[in-house]
PDB file of N, CA and C in Angstrom:
ATOM      1  N   MET A   1      -4.309   0.935  22.289  1.00  0.00           N
ATOM      2  CA  MET A   1      -4.154  -0.261  22.094  1.00  0.00           C
ATOM      3  C   MET A   1      -4.784  -0.698  20.030  1.00  0.00           C
ATOM      4  N   GLY A   2      -5.746  -0.280  19.773  1.00  0.00           N
ATOM      5  CA  GLY A   2      -6.270  -0.562  18.313  1.00  0.00           C
ATOM      6  C   GLY A   2      -4.833   0.370  16.959  1.00  0.00           C
ATOM      7  N   HIS A   3      -4.393   1.236  17.713  1.00  0.00           N
ATOM      8  CA  HIS A   3      -2.986   2.059  16.664  1.00  0.00           C
ATOM      9  C   HIS A   3      -1.914   0.588  16.600  1.00  0.00           C
ATOM     10  N   VAL A   4      -1.704   0.362  17.803  1.00  0.00           N
ATOM     11  CA  VAL A   4      -0.314   0.162  18.585  1.00  0.00           C
ATOM     12  C   VAL A   4      -1.124  -1.276  17.416  1.00  0.00           C
ATOM     13  N   LEU A   5      -1.789  -1.980  17.259  1.00  0.00           N
ATOM     14  CA  LEU A   5      -2.085  -3.374  16.820  1.00  0.00           C
ATOM     15  C   LEU A   5      -2.229  -3.660  14.912  1.00  0.00           C
ATOM     16  N   THR A   6      -3.025  -2.119  14.404  1.00  0.00           N
ATOM     17  CA  THR A   6      -2.778  -1.100  12.642  1.00  0.00           C
ATOM     18  C   THR A   6      -1.828  -1.300  12.272  1.00  0.00           C
ATOM     19  N   VAL A   7      -0.645  -0.668  13.803  1.00  0.00           N
ATOM     20  CA  VAL A   7       0.777  -0.123  12.730  1.00  0.00           C
ATOM     21  C   VAL A   7       1.885  -1.937  13.197  1.00  0.00           C
ATOM     22  N   GLU A   8       1.972  -2.009  13.877  1.00  0.00           N
ATOM     23  CA  GLU A   8       3.166  -2.622  15.027  1.00  0.00           C
ATOM     24  C   GLU A   8       3.136  -4.575  13.844  1.00  0.00           C
ATOM     25  N   LYS A   9       1.125  -5.114  14.775  1.00  0.00           N
ATOM     26  CA  LYS A   9       0.849  -6.066  14.233  1.00  0.00           C
ATOM     27  C   LYS A   9       0.684  -6.583  12.287  1.00  0.00           C
ATOM     28  N   PHE A  10       0.230  -5.105  11.629  1.00  0.00           N
ATOM     29  CA  PHE A  10      -0.665  -5.924  10.161  1.00  0.00           C
ATOM     30  C   PHE A  10       0.870  -4.861   9.676  1.00  0.00           C
ATOM     31  N   LYS A  11       1.726  -3.274   9.996  1.00  0.00           N
ATOM     32  CA  LYS A  11       1.884  -2.545   9.542  1.00  0.00           C
ATOM     33  C   LYS A  11       1.563  -2.337   8.533  1.00  0.00           C
ATOM     34  N   ALA A  12       0.296  -1.988   9.009  1.00  0.00           N
ATOM     35  CA  ALA A  12      -0.624  -0.803   7.836  1.00  0.00           C
ATOM     36  C   ALA A  12      -0.400   0.808   7.574  1.00  0.00           C
ATOM     37  N   ALA A  13      -0.161   1.407   7.132  1.00  0.00           N
ATOM     38  CA  ALA A  13       0.095   3.222   7.383  1.00  0.00           C
ATOM     39  C   ALA A  13      -0.839   4.022   7.197  1.00  0.00           C
ATOM     40  N   ASP A  14      -1.340   3.669   9.124  1.00  0.00           N
ATOM     41  CA  ASP A  14      -3.478   4.019   9.435  1.00  0.00           C
ATOM     42  C   ASP A  14      -2.330   5.758   9.766  1.00  0.00           C
ATOM     43  N   MET A  15      -2.406   6.801   8.767  1.00  0.00           N
ATOM     44  CA  MET A  15      -2.369   7.879   9.063  1.00  0.00           C
ATOM     45  C   MET A  15      -3.612   9.177   9.198  1.00  0.00           C
ATOM     46  N   GLY A  16      -2.905   9.624  10.283  1.00  0.00           N
ATOM     47  CA  GLY A  16      -4.607   9.922  11.330  1.00  0.00           C
ATOM     48  C   GLY A  16      -4.816   9.344  11.727  1.00  0.00           C
ATOM     49  N   GLY A  17      -4.738   8.177  11.822  1.00  0.00           N
ATOM     50  CA  GLY A  17      -5.628   7.176  12.889  1.00  0.00           C
ATOM     51  C   GLY A  17      -6.937   6.219  11.793  1.00  0.00           C
ATOM     52  N   SER A  18      -6.898   7.364  10.881  1.00  0.00           N
ATOM     53  CA  SER A  18      -8.969   6.515  10.237  1.00  0.00           C
ATOM     54  C   SER A  18      -9.318   5.572  10.950  1.00  0.00           C
ATOM     55  N   MET A  19      -8.158   4.400   9.415  1.00  0.00           N
ATOM     56  CA  MET A  19      -8.278   2.619  10.384  1.00  0.00           C
ATOM     57  C   MET A  19      -9.444   1.984  11.648  1.00  0.00           C
ATOM     58  N   VAL A  20      -8.760   2.897  12.708  1.00  0.00           N
ATOM     59  CA  VAL A  20      -8.825   2.056  14.166  1.00  0.00           C
ATOM     60  C   VAL A  20     -10.443   3.064  14.126  1.00  0.00           C
ATOM     61  N   VAL A  21      -9.980   4.922  14.285  1.00  0.00           N
ATOM     62  CA  VAL A  21     -11.468   5.191  14.403  1.00  0.00           C
ATOM     63  C   VAL A  21     -12.904   4.165  13.524  1.00  0.00           C
ATOM     64  N   HIS A  22     -12.190   4.080  12.366  1.00  0.00           N
ATOM     65  CA  HIS A  22     -14.310   4.484  11.484  1.00  0.00           C
ATOM     66  C   HIS A  22     -13.835   2.081  12.386  1.00  0.00           C
ATOM     67  N   THR A  23     -13.149   1.785  12.557  1.00  0.00           N
ATOM     68  CA  THR A  23     -13.334   0.102  13.013  1.00  0.00           C
ATOM     69  C   THR A  23     -14.897   0.488  14.045  1.00  0.00           C
ATOM     70  N   PHE A  24     -13.611   0.561  14.879  1.00  0.00           N
ATOM     71  CA  PHE A  24     -14.551   0.984  16.311  1.00  0.00           C
ATOM     72  C   PHE A  24     -15.527   1.572  16.270  1.00  0.00           C
ATOM     73  N   GLY A  25     -15.538   2.616  15.030  1.00  0.00           N
ATOM     74  CA  GLY A  25     -17.187   3.076  14.879  1.00  0.00           C
ATOM     75  C   GLY A  25     -18.071   2.092  14.577  1.00  0.00           C
ATOM     76  N   ALA A  26     -17.998   1.355  13.087  1.00  0.00           N
ATOM     77  CA  ALA A  26     -18.636  -0.106  12.746  1.00  0.00           C
ATOM     78  C   ALA A  26     -18.904  -1.020  13.777  1.00  0.00           C
ATOM     79  N   TYR A  27     -17.854  -1.665  14.460  1.00  0.00           N
ATOM     80  CA  TYR A  27     -18.364  -2.228  15.971  1.00  0.00           C
ATOM     81  C   TYR A  27     -19.225  -2.192  17.140  1.00  0.00           C
ATOM     82  N   PHE A  28     -18.748  -0.636  17.532  1.00  0.00           N
ATOM     83  CA  PHE A  28     -19.912  -0.419  18.330  1.00  0.00           C
ATOM     84  C   PHE A  28     -20.983   0.180  17.546  1.00  0.00           C
ATOM     85  N   GLY A  29     -21.325   0.271  16.887  1.00  0.00           N
ATOM     86  CA  GLY A  29     -22.730   0.465  16.188  1.00  0.00           C
ATOM     87  C   GLY A  29     -23.440  -0.484  15.564  1.00  0.00           C
ATOM     88  N   ILE A  30     -22.569  -1.184  15.609  1.00  0.00           N
ATOM     89  CA  ILE A  30     -23.210  -3.051  15.346  1.00  0.00           C
ATOM     90  C   ILE A  30     -23.419  -4.016  16.646  1.00  0.00           C
ATOM     91  N   GLY A  31     -22.808  -3.493  17.343  1.00  0.00           N
ATOM     92  CA  GLY A  31     -23.070  -4.472  18.903  1.00  0.00           C
ATOM     93  C   GLY A  31     -24.362  -2.929  20.068  1.00  0.00           C
ATOM     94  N   ALA A  32     -23.600  -1.782  19.669  1.00  0.00           N
ATOM     95  CA  ALA A  32     -25.595  -0.550  19.877  1.00  0.00           C
ATOM     96  C   ALA A  32     -26.540  -1.615  19.176  1.00  0.00           C
ATOM     97  N   SER A  33     -26.435  -1.299  18.448  1.00  0.00           N
ATOM     98  CA  SER A  33     -28.325  -1.758  17.032  1.00  0.00           C
ATOM     99  C   SER A  33     -28.833  -3.149  17.183  1.00  0.00           C
ATOM    100  N   ILE A  34     -27.480  -3.648  17.462  1.00  0.00           N
ATOM    101  CA  ILE A  34     -28.319  -5.687  18.076  1.00  0.00           C
ATOM    102  C   ILE A  34     -28.795  -5.842  19.472  1.00  0.00           C
ATOM    103  N   MET A  35     -27.846  -4.478  20.735  1.00  0.00           N
ATOM    104  CA  MET A  35     -28.711  -4.460  21.753  1.00  0.00           C
ATOM    105  C   MET A  35     -29.950  -3.828  22.036  1.00  0.00           C
ATOM    106  N   LEU A  36     -29.601  -2.532  20.566  1.00  0.00           N
ATOM    107  CA  LEU A  36     -31.231  -1.662  21.467  1.00  0.00           C
ATOM    108  C   LEU A  36     -32.351  -1.582  20.185  1.00  0.00           C
ATOM    109  N   THR A  37     -32.438  -2.731  19.982  1.00  0.00           N
ATOM    110  CA  THR A  37     -32.864  -3.425  18.746  1.00  0.00           C
ATOM    111  C   THR A  37     -34.633  -4.081  19.747  1.00  0.00           C
ATOM    112  N   ASN A  38     -35.506  -3.721  19.136  1.00  0.00           N
ATOM    113  CA  ASN A  38     -36.414  -3.974  20.108  1.00  0.00           C
ATOM    114  C   ASN A  38     -36.898  -5.278  18.569  1.00  0.00           C
ATOM    115  N   LYS A  39     -37.128  -6.199  18.979  1.00  0.00           N
ATOM    116  CA  LYS A  39     -37.159  -7.814  18.271  1.00  0.00           C
ATOM    117  C   LYS A  39     -38.753  -7.714  16.846  1.00  0.00           C
ATOM    118  N   LYS A  40     -39.863  -7.455  18.230  1.00  0.00           N
ATOM    119  CA  LYS A  40     -41.080  -6.647  17.560  1.00  0.00           C
ATOM    120  C   LYS A  40     -40.854  -6.314  16.430  1.00  0.00           C
ATOM    121  N   MET A  41     -40.226  -4.879  16.362  1.00  0.00           N
ATOM    122  CA  MET A  41     -40.591  -3.774  15.447  1.00  0.00           C
ATOM    123  C   MET A  41     -39.912  -4.118  14.095  1.00  0.00           C
ATOM    124  N   VAL A  42     -38.881  -4.998  14.533  1.00  0.00           N
ATOM    125  CA  VAL A  42     -38.225  -5.852  13.669  1.00  0.00           C
ATOM    126  C   VAL A  42     -38.932  -6.943  12.276  1.00  0.00           C
ATOM    127  N   GLU A  43     -40.103  -7.004  13.204  1.00  0.00           N
ATOM    128  CA  GLU A  43     -40.663  -8.360  12.772  1.00  0.00           C
ATOM    129  C   GLU A  43     -42.394  -8.009  11.740  1.00  0.00           C
ATOM    130  N   LYS A  44     -42.218  -6.255  12.432  1.00  0.00           N
ATOM    131  CA  LYS A  44     -43.167  -5.103  11.761  1.00  0.00           C
ATOM    132  C   LYS A  44     -42.846  -4.879  10.467  1.00  0.00           C
ATOM    133  N   TRP A  45     -41.513  -4.621  10.505  1.00  0.00           N
ATOM    134  CA  TRP A  45     -41.419  -3.070   9.738  1.00  0.00           C
ATOM    135  C   TRP A  45     -40.260  -4.353   8.710  1.00  0.00           C
ATOM    136  N   GLU A  46     -40.005  -5.540   8.258  1.00  0.00           N
ATOM    137  CA  GLU A  46     -39.080  -6.626   7.813  1.00  0.00           C
ATOM    138  C   GLU A  46     -39.792  -6.052   6.215  1.00  0.00           C
ATOM    139  N   LYS A  47     -41.489  -6.337   6.195  1.00  0.00           N
ATOM    140  CA  LYS A  47     -41.291  -6.093   4.849  1.00  0.00           C
ATOM    141  C   LYS A  47     -40.732  -4.810   3.740  1.00  0.00           C
ATOM    142  N   PHE A  48     -39.980  -4.080   4.665  1.00  0.00           N
ATOM    143  CA  PHE A  48     -39.914  -2.473   4.443  1.00  0.00           C
ATOM    144  C   PHE A  48     -38.256  -2.621   3.481  1.00  0.00           C
ATOM    145  N   GLU A  49     -37.444  -3.280   3.968  1.00  0.00           N
ATOM    146  CA  GLU A  49     -36.098  -3.532   4.380  1.00  0.00           C
ATOM    147  C   GLU A  49     -35.656  -3.416   2.995  1.00  0.00           C
ATOM    148  N   GLU A  50     -36.254  -3.490   2.368  1.00  0.00           N
ATOM    149  CA  GLU A  50     -35.858  -3.682   0.157  1.00  0.00           C
ATOM    150  C   GLU A  50     -35.915  -2.343   0.017  1.00  0.00           C
ATOM    151  N   GLY A  51     -34.814  -1.927  -0.520  1.00  0.00           N
ATOM    152  CA  GLY A  51     -34.733  -0.640  -1.175  1.00  0.00           C
ATOM    153  C   GLY A  51     -35.153  -0.883  -2.954  1.00  0.00           C
ATOM    154  N   GLY A  52     -35.567   0.775  -3.631  1.00  0.00           N
ATOM    155  CA  GLY A  52     -35.845   0.762  -4.751  1.00  0.00           C
ATOM    156  C   GLY A  52     -34.397   0.724  -5.021  1.00  0.00           C
ATOM    157  N   TYR A  53     -34.793   0.377  -6.811  1.00  0.00           N
ATOM    158  CA  TYR A  53     -34.165   0.824  -7.146  1.00  0.00           C
ATOM    159  C   TYR A  53     -33.143   2.124  -7.787  1.00  0.00           C
ATOM    160  N   VAL A  54     -33.555   2.579  -7.404  1.00  0.00           N
ATOM    161  CA  VAL A  54     -33.589   4.717  -7.367  1.00  0.00           C
ATOM    162  C   VAL A  54     -32.386   4.698  -6.190  1.00  0.00           C
ATOM    163  N   SER A  55     -32.467   3.953  -4.200  1.00  0.00           N
ATOM    164  CA  SER A  55     -31.212   4.013  -3.421  1.00  0.00           C
ATOM    165  C   SER A  55     -30.339   3.058  -3.850  1.00  0.00           C
ATOM    166  N   GLN A  56     -30.738   1.876  -4.071  1.00  0.00           N
ATOM    167  CA  GLN A  56     -29.616   1.108  -4.268  1.00  0.00           C
ATOM    168  C   GLN A  56     -28.874   0.982  -5.992  1.00  0.00           C
ATOM    169  N   LEU A  57     -28.700   2.340  -6.311  1.00  0.00           N
ATOM    170  CA  LEU A  57     -28.011   2.799  -8.011  1.00  0.00           C
ATOM    171  C   LEU A  57     -27.414   4.281  -6.640  1.00  0.00           C
ATOM    172  N   VAL A  58     -27.388   4.581  -5.970  1.00  0.00           N
ATOM    173  CA  VAL A  58     -27.760   5.764  -5.209  1.00  0.00           C
ATOM    174  C   VAL A  58     -26.220   5.154  -4.582  1.00  0.00           C
ATOM    175  N   ALA A  59     -26.465   3.804  -4.034  1.00  0.00           N
ATOM    176  CA  ALA A  59     -25.583   3.939  -2.877  1.00  0.00           C
ATOM    177  C   ALA A  59     -24.619   3.361  -3.395  1.00  0.00           C
ATOM    178  N   MET A  60     -24.438   2.161  -5.270  1.00  0.00           N
ATOM    179  CA  MET A  60     -24.314   1.667  -5.848  1.00  0.00           C
ATOM    180  C   MET A  60     -22.642   3.115  -6.574  1.00  0.00           C
ATOM    181  N   ILE A  61     -23.158   3.992  -6.301  1.00  0.00           N
ATOM    182  CA  ILE A  61     -22.469   4.911  -7.306  1.00  0.00           C
ATOM    183  C   ILE A  61     -21.593   5.129  -6.290  1.00  0.00           C
ATOM    184  N   GLY A  62     -21.494   6.122  -4.773  1.00  0.00           N
ATOM    185  CA  GLY A  62     -21.149   6.312  -3.462  1.00  0.00           C
ATOM    186  C   GLY A  62     -20.218   5.485  -2.990  1.00  0.00           C
ATOM    187  N   THR A  63     -20.973   4.676  -3.411  1.00  0.00           N
ATOM    188  CA  THR A  63     -20.001   3.548  -3.535  1.00  0.00           C
ATOM    189  C   THR A  63     -17.863   3.452  -3.797  1.00  0.00           C
ATOM    190  N   ILE A  64     -18.266   3.488  -5.574  1.00  0.00           N
ATOM    191  CA  ILE A  64     -17.564   3.322  -6.313  1.00  0.00           C
ATOM    192  C   ILE A  64     -16.699   4.394  -5.954  1.00  0.00           C
ATOM    193  N   PHE A  65     -17.561   5.643  -6.511  1.00  0.00           N
ATOM    194  CA  PHE A  65     -17.068   6.573  -5.168  1.00  0.00           C
ATOM    195  C   PHE A  65     -16.061   6.800  -4.801  1.00  0.00           C
ATOM    196  N   LEU A  66     -16.308   6.176  -3.549  1.00  0.00           N
ATOM    197  CA  LEU A  66     -15.109   6.052  -1.901  1.00  0.00           C
ATOM    198  C   LEU A  66     -13.856   5.338  -3.041  1.00  0.00           C
ATOM    199  N   TRP A  67     -14.107   4.039  -3.275  1.00  0.00           N
ATOM    200  CA  TRP A  67     -13.836   3.126  -3.646  1.00  0.00           C
ATOM    201  C   TRP A  67     -12.452   3.665  -4.660  1.00  0.00           C
ATOM    202  N   CYS A  68     -12.317   4.515  -5.568  1.00  0.00           N
ATOM    203  CA  CYS A  68     -11.303   5.760  -6.369  1.00  0.00           C
ATOM    204  C   CYS A  68     -10.535   6.800  -5.371  1.00  0.00           C
ATOM    205  N   TYR A  69     -11.424   7.147  -4.656  1.00  0.00           N
ATOM    206  CA  TYR A  69     -11.043   8.019  -4.224  1.00  0.00           C
ATOM    207  C   TYR A  69     -11.063   7.884  -2.659  1.00  0.00           C
ATOM    208  N   TRP A  70     -10.828   7.655  -1.647  1.00  0.00           N
ATOM    209  CA  TRP A  70     -10.644   7.292  -0.443  1.00  0.00           C
ATOM    210  C   TRP A  70      -8.846   7.295  -0.115  1.00  0.00           C
ATOM    211  N   PRO A  71      -8.639   6.908  -1.162  1.00  0.00           N
ATOM    212  CA  PRO A  71      -7.026   5.816  -1.006  1.00  0.00           C
ATOM    213  C   PRO A  71      -6.400   8.097  -1.085  1.00  0.00           C
ATOM    214  N   SER A  72      -6.907   8.053  -1.888  1.00  0.00           N
ATOM    215  CA  SER A  72      -5.422   9.034  -2.024  1.00  0.00           C
ATOM    216  C   SER A  72      -6.146  10.523  -0.479  1.00  0.00           C
ATOM    217  N   PHE A  73      -7.427   9.738  -1.177  1.00  0.00           N
ATOM    218  CA  PHE A  73      -7.552  11.324   0.969  1.00  0.00           C
ATOM    219  C   PHE A  73      -7.161  10.710   1.546  1.00  0.00           C
ATOM    220  N   ASN A  74      -6.467   9.900   2.263  1.00  0.00           N
ATOM    221  CA  ASN A  74      -6.170   9.137   3.744  1.00  0.00           C
ATOM    222  C   ASN A  74      -5.153   9.095   3.450  1.00  0.00           C
ATOM    223  N   GLY A  75      -4.740   9.681   2.466  1.00  0.00           N
ATOM    224  CA  GLY A  75      -2.343   9.428   1.468  1.00  0.00           C
ATOM    225  C   GLY A  75      -2.102  10.539   1.884  1.00  0.00           C
ATOM    226  N   CYS A  76      -3.849  11.742   2.253  1.00  0.00           N
ATOM    227  CA  CYS A  76      -2.793  13.140   1.597  1.00  0.00           C
ATOM    228  C   CYS A  76      -1.346  13.243   3.180  1.00  0.00           C
ATOM    229  N   LEU A  77      -1.199  13.220   4.346  1.00  0.00           N
ATOM    230  CA  LEU A  77      -0.445  13.307   4.834  1.00  0.00           C
ATOM    231  C   LEU A  77       0.728  11.689   5.288  1.00  0.00           C
ATOM    232  N   ALA A  78       0.634  11.127   4.323  1.00  0.00           N
ATOM    233  CA  ALA A  78       1.809  10.248   4.022  1.00  0.00           C
ATOM    234  C   ALA A  78       3.246  11.626   3.307  1.00  0.00           C
ATOM    235  N   SER A  79       4.123  10.635   3.768  1.00  0.00           N
ATOM    236  CA  SER A  79       5.098  11.298   3.068  1.00  0.00           C
ATOM    237  C   SER A  79       6.144   9.370   2.875  1.00  0.00           C
ATOM    238  N   GLY A  80       7.188  10.318   2.298  1.00  0.00           N
ATOM    239  CA  GLY A  80       8.075   9.041   0.778  1.00  0.00           C
ATOM    240  C   GLY A  80       7.196   8.251   0.353  1.00  0.00           C
ATOM    241  N   ASN A  81       7.505   6.673   0.949  1.00  0.00           N
ATOM    242  CA  ASN A  81       6.828   5.605   0.847  1.00  0.00           C
ATOM    243  C   ASN A  81       5.607   6.017   1.775  1.00  0.00           C
ATOM    244  N   SER A  82       5.188   5.501   2.824  1.00  0.00           N
ATOM    245  CA  SER A  82       4.123   5.790   4.141  1.00  0.00           C
ATOM    246  C   SER A  82       2.801   5.396   3.120  1.00  0.00           C
TER     247      SER A  82
END
């Protein structure tokens, strides 16, 4: 169903179905975390949510790396104008 929606409705070239798989995984993870979260523990650990400078810097560098290289990695199976 997801592949049909991605390819036919949105006209997206999804080589290997990676967009569908990652979208499902993201929504499943969000739903599972909402259902399995202990609300009392969240209130107790809320003060530790803020990351430090180094962890935020590493996350930013990783995000930029993925923005630069993911399209070429994802399109390696494409042929022609795909």
